[in-house]
PDB file of N, CA and C in Angstrom:
ATOM      1  N   MET A   1      -4.550  27.630 -16.992  1.00  0.00           N
ATOM      2  CA  MET A   1      -4.854  28.743 -15.914  1.00  0.00           C
ATOM      3  C   MET A   1      -4.166  30.152 -16.363  1.00  0.00           C
ATOM      4  N   ALA A   2      -4.549  31.026 -16.117  1.00  0.00           N
ATOM      5  CA  ALA A   2      -4.033  32.115 -16.146  1.00  0.00           C
ATOM      6  C   ALA A   2      -2.428  32.735 -14.467  1.00  0.00           C
ATOM      7  N   ILE A   3      -1.889  33.783 -14.980  1.00  0.00           N
ATOM      8  CA  ILE A   3      -1.181  34.018 -13.976  1.00  0.00           C
ATOM      9  C   ILE A   3      -1.263  34.620 -13.477  1.00  0.00           C
ATOM     10  N   PRO A   4      -1.942  36.308 -12.988  1.00  0.00           N
ATOM     11  CA  PRO A   4      -1.712  37.719 -13.190  1.00  0.00           C
ATOM     12  C   PRO A   4      -1.635  37.991 -11.946  1.00  0.00           C
ATOM     13  N   LEU A   5      -0.628  37.540 -11.092  1.00  0.00           N
ATOM     14  CA  LEU A   5       0.751  38.208 -10.218  1.00  0.00           C
ATOM     15  C   LEU A   5       1.965  37.060  -9.762  1.00  0.00           C
ATOM     16  N   ALA A   6       2.703  36.861  -9.794  1.00  0.00           N
ATOM     17  CA  ALA A   6       4.025  36.867  -9.770  1.00  0.00           C
ATOM     18  C   ALA A   6       5.637  36.975  -9.043  1.00  0.00           C
ATOM     19  N   GLU A   7       5.208  37.332  -7.686  1.00  0.00           N
ATOM     20  CA  GLU A   7       6.541  38.428  -7.612  1.00  0.00           C
ATOM     21  C   GLU A   7       7.393  37.098  -6.551  1.00  0.00           C
ATOM     22  N   VAL A   8       8.650  37.349  -7.753  1.00  0.00           N
ATOM     23  CA  VAL A   8      10.290  36.821  -6.976  1.00  0.00           C
ATOM     24  C   VAL A   8      10.902  36.873  -6.750  1.00  0.00           C
ATOM     25  N   ASP A   9      11.680  36.736  -5.025  1.00  0.00           N
ATOM     26  CA  ASP A   9      12.605  37.748  -4.178  1.00  0.00           C
ATOM     27  C   ASP A   9      13.610  36.094  -4.552  1.00  0.00           C
ATOM     28  N   LEU A  10      14.226  35.831  -5.686  1.00  0.00           N
ATOM     29  CA  LEU A  10      14.814  35.131  -5.831  1.00  0.00           C
ATOM     30  C   LEU A  10      16.539  34.704  -5.214  1.00  0.00           C
ATOM     31  N   ARG A  11      16.469  34.598  -3.859  1.00  0.00           N
ATOM     32  CA  ARG A  11      17.790  34.972  -2.850  1.00  0.00           C
ATOM     33  C   ARG A  11      16.850  34.134  -1.414  1.00  0.00           C
ATOM     34  N   VAL A  12      18.057  33.251  -1.430  1.00  0.00           N
ATOM     35  CA  VAL A  12      17.414  31.904  -0.302  1.00  0.00           C
ATOM     36  C   VAL A  12      17.200  33.219   1.450  1.00  0.00           C
ATOM     37  N   GLY A  13      16.333  32.570   1.216  1.00  0.00           N
ATOM     38  CA  GLY A  13      15.347  33.738   2.884  1.00  0.00           C
ATOM     39  C   GLY A  13      14.357  34.858   1.989  1.00  0.00           C
ATOM     40  N   GLY A  14      14.217  34.078   0.424  1.00  0.00           N
ATOM     41  CA  GLY A  14      13.589  35.606  -0.189  1.00  0.00           C
ATOM     42  C   GLY A  14      11.973  35.125  -0.722  1.00  0.00           C
ATOM     43  N   GLU A  15      10.683  35.390  -1.012  1.00  0.00           N
ATOM     44  CA  GLU A  15       9.863  34.876  -0.540  1.00  0.00           C
ATOM     45  C   GLU A  15       9.534  34.617  -1.813  1.00  0.00           C
ATOM     46  N   PHE A  16       8.051  34.296  -2.515  1.00  0.00           N
ATOM     47  CA  PHE A  16       7.649  34.361  -3.471  1.00  0.00           C
ATOM     48  C   PHE A  16       5.930  34.412  -3.201  1.00  0.00           C
ATOM     49  N   LYS A  17       5.043  34.575  -4.427  1.00  0.00           N
ATOM     50  CA  LYS A  17       3.648  34.851  -4.226  1.00  0.00           C
ATOM     51  C   LYS A  17       3.326  34.917  -5.911  1.00  0.00           C
ATOM     52  N   ILE A  18       2.113  33.368  -6.438  1.00  0.00           N
ATOM     53  CA  ILE A  18       2.361  33.290  -6.861  1.00  0.00           C
ATOM     54  C   ILE A  18       0.349  33.149  -7.002  1.00  0.00           C
ATOM     55  N   ARG A  19      -0.469  33.849  -8.138  1.00  0.00           N
ATOM     56  CA  ARG A  19      -1.801  33.970  -7.767  1.00  0.00           C
ATOM     57  C   ARG A  19      -2.436  32.811  -9.271  1.00  0.00           C
ATOM     58  N   MET A  20      -2.638  31.875  -9.696  1.00  0.00           N
ATOM     59  CA  MET A  20      -3.472  31.531 -10.613  1.00  0.00           C
ATOM     60  C   MET A  20      -5.144  31.564 -10.504  1.00  0.00           C
ATOM     61  N   GLN A  21      -5.294  32.130 -11.560  1.00  0.00           N
ATOM     62  CA  GLN A  21      -6.335  31.841 -12.193  1.00  0.00           C
ATOM     63  C   GLN A  21      -6.978  31.177 -13.383  1.00  0.00           C
ATOM     64  N   ALA A  22      -7.994  30.326 -12.670  1.00  0.00           N
ATOM     65  CA  ALA A  22      -9.009  29.257 -13.733  1.00  0.00           C
ATOM     66  C   ALA A  22     -10.416  30.778 -14.429  1.00  0.00           C
ATOM     67  N   GLU A  23     -10.302  30.701 -15.425  1.00  0.00           N
ATOM     68  CA  GLU A  23     -11.299  30.984 -16.354  1.00  0.00           C
ATOM     69  C   GLU A  23     -12.973  31.533 -15.387  1.00  0.00           C
ATOM     70  N   ASP A  24     -13.259  29.930 -14.766  1.00  0.00           N
ATOM     71  CA  ASP A  24     -14.722  29.790 -13.787  1.00  0.00           C
ATOM     72  C   ASP A  24     -14.592  29.389 -12.519  1.00  0.00           C
ATOM     73  N   GLY A  25     -13.596  30.165 -12.427  1.00  0.00           N
ATOM     74  CA  GLY A  25     -12.825  29.352 -10.423  1.00  0.00           C
ATOM     75  C   GLY A  25     -12.418  30.503  -9.789  1.00  0.00           C
ATOM     76  N   PRO A  26     -12.265  30.049  -8.462  1.00  0.00           N
ATOM     77  CA  PRO A  26     -11.947  31.159  -7.729  1.00  0.00           C
ATOM     78  C   PRO A  26     -10.820  31.592  -7.753  1.00  0.00           C
ATOM     79  N   PRO A  27      -9.809  32.035  -6.784  1.00  0.00           N
ATOM     80  CA  PRO A  27      -8.212  32.363  -7.481  1.00  0.00           C
ATOM     81  C   PRO A  27      -7.392  30.881  -6.813  1.00  0.00           C
ATOM     82  N   HIS A  28      -5.893  30.680  -6.300  1.00  0.00           N
ATOM     83  CA  HIS A  28      -5.259  29.973  -6.145  1.00  0.00           C
ATOM     84  C   HIS A  28      -3.901  31.086  -5.791  1.00  0.00           C
ATOM     85  N   THR A  29      -4.112  31.317  -4.442  1.00  0.00           N
ATOM     86  CA  THR A  29      -2.361  31.524  -4.218  1.00  0.00           C
ATOM     87  C   THR A  29      -1.955  31.133  -3.638  1.00  0.00           C
ATOM     88  N   VAL A  30      -0.178  30.495  -3.920  1.00  0.00           N
ATOM     89  CA  VAL A  30       0.627  30.135  -3.800  1.00  0.00           C
ATOM     90  C   VAL A  30       1.625  31.625  -2.594  1.00  0.00           C
ATOM     91  N   THR A  31       2.754  30.715  -1.461  1.00  0.00           N
ATOM     92  CA  THR A  31       3.645  31.187  -1.178  1.00  0.00           C
ATOM     93  C   THR A  31       4.519  30.786  -0.867  1.00  0.00           C
ATOM     94  N   GLY A  32       5.972  31.255  -0.504  1.00  0.00           N
ATOM     95  CA  GLY A  32       7.273  30.204  -0.030  1.00  0.00           C
ATOM     96  C   GLY A  32       7.817  31.090  -0.016  1.00  0.00           C
ATOM     97  N   VAL A  33       8.971  30.619   0.555  1.00  0.00           N
ATOM     98  CA  VAL A  33      10.217  30.340   1.121  1.00  0.00           C
ATOM     99  C   VAL A  33      10.896  30.167   0.105  1.00  0.00           C
ATOM    100  N   TYR A  34      12.387  30.355  -0.558  1.00  0.00           N
ATOM    101  CA  TYR A  34      13.701  29.866  -1.145  1.00  0.00           C
ATOM    102  C   TYR A  34      14.585  29.486   0.410  1.00  0.00           C
ATOM    103  N   ARG A  35      14.534  28.375   0.266  1.00  0.00           N
ATOM    104  CA  ARG A  35      15.570  28.017   1.401  1.00  0.00           C
ATOM    105  C   ARG A  35      16.877  27.271   0.872  1.00  0.00           C
ATOM    106  N   GLU A  36      17.022  26.907  -0.273  1.00  0.00           N
ATOM    107  CA  GLU A  36      18.420  26.192  -1.348  1.00  0.00           C
ATOM    108  C   GLU A  36      18.103  26.607  -2.533  1.00  0.00           C
ATOM    109  N   ILE A  37      19.224  27.723  -3.552  1.00  0.00           N
ATOM    110  CA  ILE A  37      19.810  27.825  -5.025  1.00  0.00           C
ATOM    111  C   ILE A  37      21.511  27.709  -4.973  1.00  0.00           C
ATOM    112  N   ASP A  38      21.237  27.171  -5.822  1.00  0.00           N
ATOM    113  CA  ASP A  38      22.035  25.780  -6.072  1.00  0.00           C
ATOM    114  C   ASP A  38      22.701  26.132  -7.761  1.00  0.00           C
ATOM    115  N   PRO A  39      22.163  27.488  -8.412  1.00  0.00           N
ATOM    116  CA  PRO A  39      22.390  26.917  -9.782  1.00  0.00           C
ATOM    117  C   PRO A  39      23.867  26.547 -10.565  1.00  0.00           C
ATOM    118  N   PRO A  40      23.674  25.812 -11.571  1.00  0.00           N
ATOM    119  CA  PRO A  40      22.044  25.325 -12.577  1.00  0.00           C
ATOM    120  C   PRO A  40      21.747  23.946 -12.077  1.00  0.00           C
ATOM    121  N   ARG A  41      22.227  23.734 -10.561  1.00  0.00           N
ATOM    122  CA  ARG A  41      21.115  22.127 -10.112  1.00  0.00           C
ATOM    123  C   ARG A  41      20.081  21.753  -9.346  1.00  0.00           C
ATOM    124  N   ARG A  42      20.216  22.759  -8.528  1.00  0.00           N
ATOM    125  CA  ARG A  42      18.916  22.634  -7.716  1.00  0.00           C
ATOM    126  C   ARG A  42      18.133  24.305  -7.175  1.00  0.00           C
ATOM    127  N   LEU A  43      17.504  23.910  -6.726  1.00  0.00           N
ATOM    128  CA  LEU A  43      15.888  24.587  -6.244  1.00  0.00           C
ATOM    129  C   LEU A  43      15.497  24.301  -4.658  1.00  0.00           C
ATOM    130  N   VAL A  44      15.342  24.906  -3.839  1.00  0.00           N
ATOM    131  CA  VAL A  44      14.609  24.060  -2.385  1.00  0.00           C
ATOM    132  C   VAL A  44      13.183  25.606  -1.496  1.00  0.00           C
ATOM    133  N   TYR A  45      12.266  25.056  -1.911  1.00  0.00           N
ATOM    134  CA  TYR A  45      11.122  26.121  -1.287  1.00  0.00           C
ATOM    135  C   TYR A  45      10.205  26.287  -1.316  1.00  0.00           C
ATOM    136  N   SER A  46       9.808  26.207   0.211  1.00  0.00           N
ATOM    137  CA  SER A  46       8.337  25.881   1.095  1.00  0.00           C
ATOM    138  C   SER A  46       7.175  26.055   0.255  1.00  0.00           C
ATOM    139  N   TRP A  47       6.482  25.950   0.030  1.00  0.00           N
ATOM    140  CA  TRP A  47       5.100  25.927  -0.566  1.00  0.00           C
ATOM    141  C   TRP A  47       3.962  26.419   0.185  1.00  0.00           C
ATOM    142  N   SER A  48       3.100  26.735   0.493  1.00  0.00           N
ATOM    143  CA  SER A  48       1.884  26.787   1.136  1.00  0.00           C
ATOM    144  C   SER A  48       1.100  28.295  -0.054  1.00  0.00           C
ATOM    145  N   TRP A  49      -0.768  27.219   0.582  1.00  0.00           N
ATOM    146  CA  TRP A  49      -2.272  27.523   0.073  1.00  0.00           C
ATOM    147  C   TRP A  49      -2.581  28.885   0.686  1.00  0.00           C
ATOM    148  N   VAL A  50      -2.428  29.528   0.223  1.00  0.00           N
ATOM    149  CA  VAL A  50      -3.895  30.873   0.836  1.00  0.00           C
ATOM    150  C   VAL A  50      -4.368  30.842   1.304  1.00  0.00           C
ATOM    151  N   GLU A  51      -5.533  30.372  -0.493  1.00  0.00           N
ATOM    152  CA  GLU A  51      -6.897  30.574  -0.013  1.00  0.00           C
ATOM    153  C   GLU A  51      -7.271  29.279   0.332  1.00  0.00           C
ATOM    154  N   ASN A  52      -6.978  27.406   0.274  1.00  0.00           N
ATOM    155  CA  ASN A  52      -7.564  26.742   0.189  1.00  0.00           C
ATOM    156  C   ASN A  52      -7.580  25.750   1.084  1.00  0.00           C
ATOM    157  N   GLU A  53      -9.098  25.770   1.717  1.00  0.00           N
ATOM    158  CA  GLU A  53      -9.131  25.911   3.311  1.00  0.00           C
ATOM    159  C   GLU A  53      -8.623  24.377   3.556  1.00  0.00           C
ATOM    160  N   ALA A  54      -8.350  23.401   2.311  1.00  0.00           N
ATOM    161  CA  ALA A  54      -8.484  21.853   3.122  1.00  0.00           C
ATOM    162  C   ALA A  54      -6.502  22.243   3.036  1.00  0.00           C
ATOM    163  N   HIS A  55      -6.147  22.971   2.451  1.00  0.00           N
ATOM    164  CA  HIS A  55      -4.458  22.769   3.221  1.00  0.00           C
ATOM    165  C   HIS A  55      -3.999  23.944   3.993  1.00  0.00           C
ATOM    166  N   ALA A  56      -4.647  24.950   4.494  1.00  0.00           N
ATOM    167  CA  ALA A  56      -5.354  25.532   5.129  1.00  0.00           C
ATOM    168  C   ALA A  56      -3.758  25.329   6.054  1.00  0.00           C
ATOM    169  N   GLY A  57      -2.514  26.681   6.393  1.00  0.00           N
ATOM    170  CA  GLY A  57      -1.372  25.886   7.621  1.00  0.00           C
ATOM    171  C   GLY A  57      -0.469  25.078   7.334  1.00  0.00           C
ATOM    172  N   ALA A  58      -0.576  24.672   6.505  1.00  0.00           N
ATOM    173  CA  ALA A  58       0.183  23.286   5.633  1.00  0.00           C
ATOM    174  C   ALA A  58       1.637  23.556   4.974  1.00  0.00           C
ATOM    175  N   GLU A  59       2.297  23.643   4.798  1.00  0.00           N
ATOM    176  CA  GLU A  59       3.865  23.887   4.080  1.00  0.00           C
ATOM    177  C   GLU A  59       4.396  23.258   4.285  1.00  0.00           C
ATOM    178  N   THR A  60       4.665  23.071   2.824  1.00  0.00           N
ATOM    179  CA  THR A  60       5.087  21.203   2.248  1.00  0.00           C
ATOM    180  C   THR A  60       6.380  22.160   2.132  1.00  0.00           C
ATOM    181  N   GLN A  61       7.431  21.497   1.217  1.00  0.00           N
ATOM    182  CA  GLN A  61       8.368  20.839   0.658  1.00  0.00           C
ATOM    183  C   GLN A  61       8.707  21.076  -0.920  1.00  0.00           C
ATOM    184  N   VAL A  62       9.498  21.631  -1.492  1.00  0.00           N
ATOM    185  CA  VAL A  62       9.532  21.427  -2.722  1.00  0.00           C
ATOM    186  C   VAL A  62      10.739  21.767  -3.837  1.00  0.00           C
ATOM    187  N   THR A  63      11.399  20.290  -3.668  1.00  0.00           N
ATOM    188  CA  THR A  63      13.001  20.463  -4.380  1.00  0.00           C
ATOM    189  C   THR A  63      13.128  19.733  -5.746  1.00  0.00           C
ATOM    190  N   VAL A  64      13.388  20.710  -6.367  1.00  0.00           N
ATOM    191  CA  VAL A  64      13.937  20.607  -7.820  1.00  0.00           C
ATOM    192  C   VAL A  64      15.247  20.374  -7.896  1.00  0.00           C
ATOM    193  N   GLU A  65      15.491  19.887  -9.209  1.00  0.00           N
ATOM    194  CA  GLU A  65      16.571  19.020  -9.280  1.00  0.00           C
ATOM    195  C   GLU A  65      17.253  19.045 -10.907  1.00  0.00           C
ATOM    196  N   PHE A  66      18.255  19.439 -11.057  1.00  0.00           N
ATOM    197  CA  PHE A  66      17.617  19.299 -13.003  1.00  0.00           C
ATOM    198  C   PHE A  66      19.629  18.532 -12.925  1.00  0.00           C
ATOM    199  N   GLU A  67      19.772  17.801 -13.973  1.00  0.00           N
ATOM    200  CA  GLU A  67      20.605  16.929 -14.156  1.00  0.00           C
ATOM    201  C   GLU A  67      21.066  16.359 -15.729  1.00  0.00           C
ATOM    202  N   GLU A  68      21.968  16.740 -15.632  1.00  0.00           N
ATOM    203  CA  GLU A  68      22.205  16.543 -17.160  1.00  0.00           C
ATOM    204  C   GLU A  68      22.492  15.296 -17.572  1.00  0.00           C
ATOM    205  N   ARG A  69      21.939  15.089 -18.992  1.00  0.00           N
ATOM    206  CA  ARG A  69      21.694  13.658 -19.703  1.00  0.00           C
ATOM    207  C   ARG A  69      21.691  14.013 -21.203  1.00  0.00           C
ATOM    208  N   GLY A  70      23.331  14.616 -21.701  1.00  0.00           N
ATOM    209  CA  GLY A  70      24.034  14.391 -23.338  1.00  0.00           C
ATOM    210  C   GLY A  70      23.089  15.398 -23.352  1.00  0.00           C
ATOM    211  N   ASP A  71      22.135  15.468 -24.439  1.00  0.00           N
ATOM    212  CA  ASP A  71      22.126  17.480 -24.879  1.00  0.00           C
ATOM    213  C   ASP A  71      20.919  17.678 -24.101  1.00  0.00           C
ATOM    214  N   ALA A  72      20.194  16.798 -23.470  1.00  0.00           N
ATOM    215  CA  ALA A  72      18.888  16.466 -22.728  1.00  0.00           C
ATOM    216  C   ALA A  72      19.272  17.216 -21.164  1.00  0.00           C
ATOM    217  N   THR A  73      18.272  17.787 -20.475  1.00  0.00           N
ATOM    218  CA  THR A  73      18.141  18.387 -18.982  1.00  0.00           C
ATOM    219  C   THR A  73      16.769  17.169 -18.427  1.00  0.00           C
ATOM    220  N   GLU A  74      17.419  16.651 -17.218  1.00  0.00           N
ATOM    221  CA  GLU A  74      16.485  15.488 -16.931  1.00  0.00           C
ATOM    222  C   GLU A  74      15.779  16.605 -15.338  1.00  0.00           C
ATOM    223  N   VAL A  75      14.375  16.965 -15.184  1.00  0.00           N
ATOM    224  CA  VAL A  75      14.012  17.566 -14.291  1.00  0.00           C
ATOM    225  C   VAL A  75      13.883  16.632 -13.522  1.00  0.00           C
ATOM    226  N   ILE A  76      13.992  16.659 -12.279  1.00  0.00           N
ATOM    227  CA  ILE A  76      13.658  15.537 -10.712  1.00  0.00           C
ATOM    228  C   ILE A  76      12.995  16.567  -9.820  1.00  0.00           C
ATOM    229  N   LEU A  77      11.482  16.878  -9.759  1.00  0.00           N
ATOM    230  CA  LEU A  77      10.738  17.189  -9.004  1.00  0.00           C
ATOM    231  C   LEU A  77      10.047  16.483  -7.135  1.00  0.00           C
ATOM    232  N   THR A  78      10.349  17.122  -6.505  1.00  0.00           N
ATOM    233  CA  THR A  78       9.916  16.578  -5.324  1.00  0.00           C
ATOM    234  C   THR A  78       9.246  17.083  -4.853  1.00  0.00           C
ATOM    235  N   HIS A  79       7.961  16.467  -4.197  1.00  0.00           N
ATOM    236  CA  HIS A  79       7.168  17.361  -3.619  1.00  0.00           C
ATOM    237  C   HIS A  79       6.890  17.435  -1.865  1.00  0.00           C
ATOM    238  N   GLU A  80       7.148  17.645  -0.718  1.00  0.00           N
ATOM    239  CA  GLU A  80       6.679  16.689   0.191  1.00  0.00           C
ATOM    240  C   GLU A  80       6.100  17.284   1.112  1.00  0.00           C
ATOM    241  N   GLY A  81       6.265  16.227   2.640  1.00  0.00           N
ATOM    242  CA  GLY A  81       5.418  16.897   4.120  1.00  0.00           C
ATOM    243  C   GLY A  81       4.065  17.225   3.608  1.00  0.00           C
ATOM    244  N   PHE A  82       3.179  16.716   3.040  1.00  0.00           N
ATOM    245  CA  PHE A  82       1.338  16.653   2.693  1.00  0.00           C
ATOM    246  C   PHE A  82       1.099  16.373   3.586  1.00  0.00           C
ATOM    247  N   PRO A  83       0.489  16.443   4.436  1.00  0.00           N
ATOM    248  CA  PRO A  83      -0.565  16.730   5.862  1.00  0.00           C
ATOM    249  C   PRO A  83      -2.122  15.595   5.532  1.00  0.00           C
ATOM    250  N   THR A  84      -2.213  14.667   4.387  1.00  0.00           N
ATOM    251  CA  THR A  84      -2.702  13.888   3.967  1.00  0.00           C
ATOM    252  C   THR A  84      -2.404  13.263   2.969  1.00  0.00           C
ATOM    253  N   GLU A  85      -2.879  12.724   2.329  1.00  0.00           N
ATOM    254  CA  GLU A  85      -2.685  11.899   1.123  1.00  0.00           C
ATOM    255  C   GLU A  85      -3.945  11.665  -0.083  1.00  0.00           C
ATOM    256  N   GLU A  86      -4.791  12.612  -0.329  1.00  0.00           N
ATOM    257  CA  GLU A  86      -5.895  13.739  -0.664  1.00  0.00           C
ATOM    258  C   GLU A  86      -4.911  14.875  -1.457  1.00  0.00           C
ATOM    259  N   ALA A  87      -3.880  15.520  -0.291  1.00  0.00           N
ATOM    260  CA  ALA A  87      -3.284  17.066  -0.387  1.00  0.00           C
ATOM    261  C   ALA A  87      -1.871  15.975  -1.936  1.00  0.00           C
ATOM    262  N   ARG A  88      -1.711  14.950  -1.402  1.00  0.00           N
ATOM    263  CA  ARG A  88      -0.794  14.815  -2.212  1.00  0.00           C
ATOM    264  C   ARG A  88      -0.537  14.391  -3.577  1.00  0.00           C
ATOM    265  N   ASP A  89      -1.290  13.502  -4.130  1.00  0.00           N
ATOM    266  CA  ASP A  89      -2.233  12.721  -5.221  1.00  0.00           C
ATOM    267  C   ASP A  89      -3.059  14.012  -5.784  1.00  0.00           C
ATOM    268  N   SER A  90      -3.046  15.437  -5.027  1.00  0.00           N
ATOM    269  CA  SER A  90      -3.832  16.728  -6.343  1.00  0.00           C
ATOM    270  C   SER A  90      -2.543  17.265  -6.385  1.00  0.00           C
ATOM    271  N   HIS A  91      -1.602  17.280  -6.033  1.00  0.00           N
ATOM    272  CA  HIS A  91      -0.220  18.264  -6.261  1.00  0.00           C
ATOM    273  C   HIS A  91      -0.017  18.017  -7.529  1.00  0.00           C
ATOM    274  N   ASN A  92       0.414  16.253  -6.946  1.00  0.00           N
ATOM    275  CA  ASN A  92       0.850  15.303  -8.458  1.00  0.00           C
ATOM    276  C   ASN A  92       0.443  15.112  -9.831  1.00  0.00           C
ATOM    277  N   GLN A  93      -0.742  15.691  -9.401  1.00  0.00           N
ATOM    278  CA  GLN A  93      -2.021  15.797 -10.679  1.00  0.00           C
ATOM    279  C   GLN A  93      -1.340  17.523 -11.103  1.00  0.00           C
ATOM    280  N   GLY A  94      -0.848  18.426 -10.873  1.00  0.00           N
ATOM    281  CA  GLY A  94      -0.995  19.155 -11.169  1.00  0.00           C
ATOM    282  C   GLY A  94       0.396  19.460 -11.156  1.00  0.00           C
ATOM    283  N   TRP A  95       0.969  18.808 -10.573  1.00  0.00           N
ATOM    284  CA  TRP A  95       3.029  19.107 -11.042  1.00  0.00           C
ATOM    285  C   TRP A  95       2.759  17.820 -12.343  1.00  0.00           C
ATOM    286  N   VAL A  96       2.759  16.373 -12.429  1.00  0.00           N
ATOM    287  CA  VAL A  96       2.928  16.073 -13.740  1.00  0.00           C
ATOM    288  C   VAL A  96       1.835  16.846 -15.048  1.00  0.00           C
ATOM    289  N   GLY A  97       0.908  17.362 -14.985  1.00  0.00           N
ATOM    290  CA  GLY A  97       0.181  18.612 -16.506  1.00  0.00           C
ATOM    291  C   GLY A  97       1.214  19.506 -16.339  1.00  0.00           C
ATOM    292  N   ILE A  98       1.778  20.123 -15.325  1.00  0.00           N
ATOM    293  CA  ILE A  98       3.176  20.955 -15.398  1.00  0.00           C
ATOM    294  C   ILE A  98       4.180  20.718 -16.150  1.00  0.00           C
ATOM    295  N   LEU A  99       4.750  19.832 -15.913  1.00  0.00           N
ATOM    296  CA  LEU A  99       6.461  18.615 -16.493  1.00  0.00           C
ATOM    297  C   LEU A  99       5.277  18.470 -17.883  1.00  0.00           C
ATOM    298  N   GLU A 100       4.627  17.897 -18.229  1.00  0.00           N
ATOM    299  CA  GLU A 100       4.094  17.656 -19.337  1.00  0.00           C
ATOM    300  C   GLU A 100       4.282  18.443 -20.399  1.00  0.00           C
ATOM    301  N   ARG A 101       3.436  19.678 -20.035  1.00  0.00           N
ATOM    302  CA  ARG A 101       3.638  21.042 -20.866  1.00  0.00           C
ATOM    303  C   ARG A 101       5.176  20.947 -21.154  1.00  0.00           C
ATOM    304  N   MET A 102       6.032  21.381 -19.967  1.00  0.00           N
ATOM    305  CA  MET A 102       6.842  21.774 -20.886  1.00  0.00           C
ATOM    306  C   MET A 102       8.063  20.577 -21.126  1.00  0.00           C
ATOM    307  N   ALA A 103       7.677  19.714 -21.053  1.00  0.00           N
ATOM    308  CA  ALA A 103       8.480  18.818 -22.181  1.00  0.00           C
ATOM    309  C   ALA A 103       7.704  18.715 -24.074  1.00  0.00           C
ATOM    310  N   GLY A 104       6.349  19.624 -23.156  1.00  0.00           N
ATOM    311  CA  GLY A 104       5.851  19.468 -24.953  1.00  0.00           C
ATOM    312  C   GLY A 104       5.609  21.095 -25.608  1.00  0.00           C
ATOM    313  N   ALA A 105       6.678  21.642 -24.959  1.00  0.00           N
ATOM    314  CA  ALA A 105       7.269  22.910 -25.423  1.00  0.00           C
ATOM    315  C   ALA A 105       8.611  23.144 -25.150  1.00  0.00           C
ATOM    316  N   VAL A 106       9.208  22.138 -25.752  1.00  0.00           N
ATOM    317  CA  VAL A 106      10.804  21.622 -26.349  1.00  0.00           C
ATOM    318  C   VAL A 106      10.564  21.027 -27.796  1.00  0.00           C
TER     319      VAL A 106
END
């Protein structure tokens, strides 16, 4: 996926907007508000899809925690508040893919 738009106001109460674009599909835009910023340990923000009718109006919460593990950092990502198991499973698949790519980049 390409990211043609990324707007970030990284402060508590600040908003973000990210548009993802696959070569052969419609755009996927997510918006949210930063609820907690505790560098370098924790980041909490809301997550809402703009175009996705299956998830329209559903606001979920993402918590990302960073734990030191010797010379490495463990990333613990919790995404909660899904309206359906299908929505949860779909997001899980996306997050696992992202985290696997991050792990392979180091």
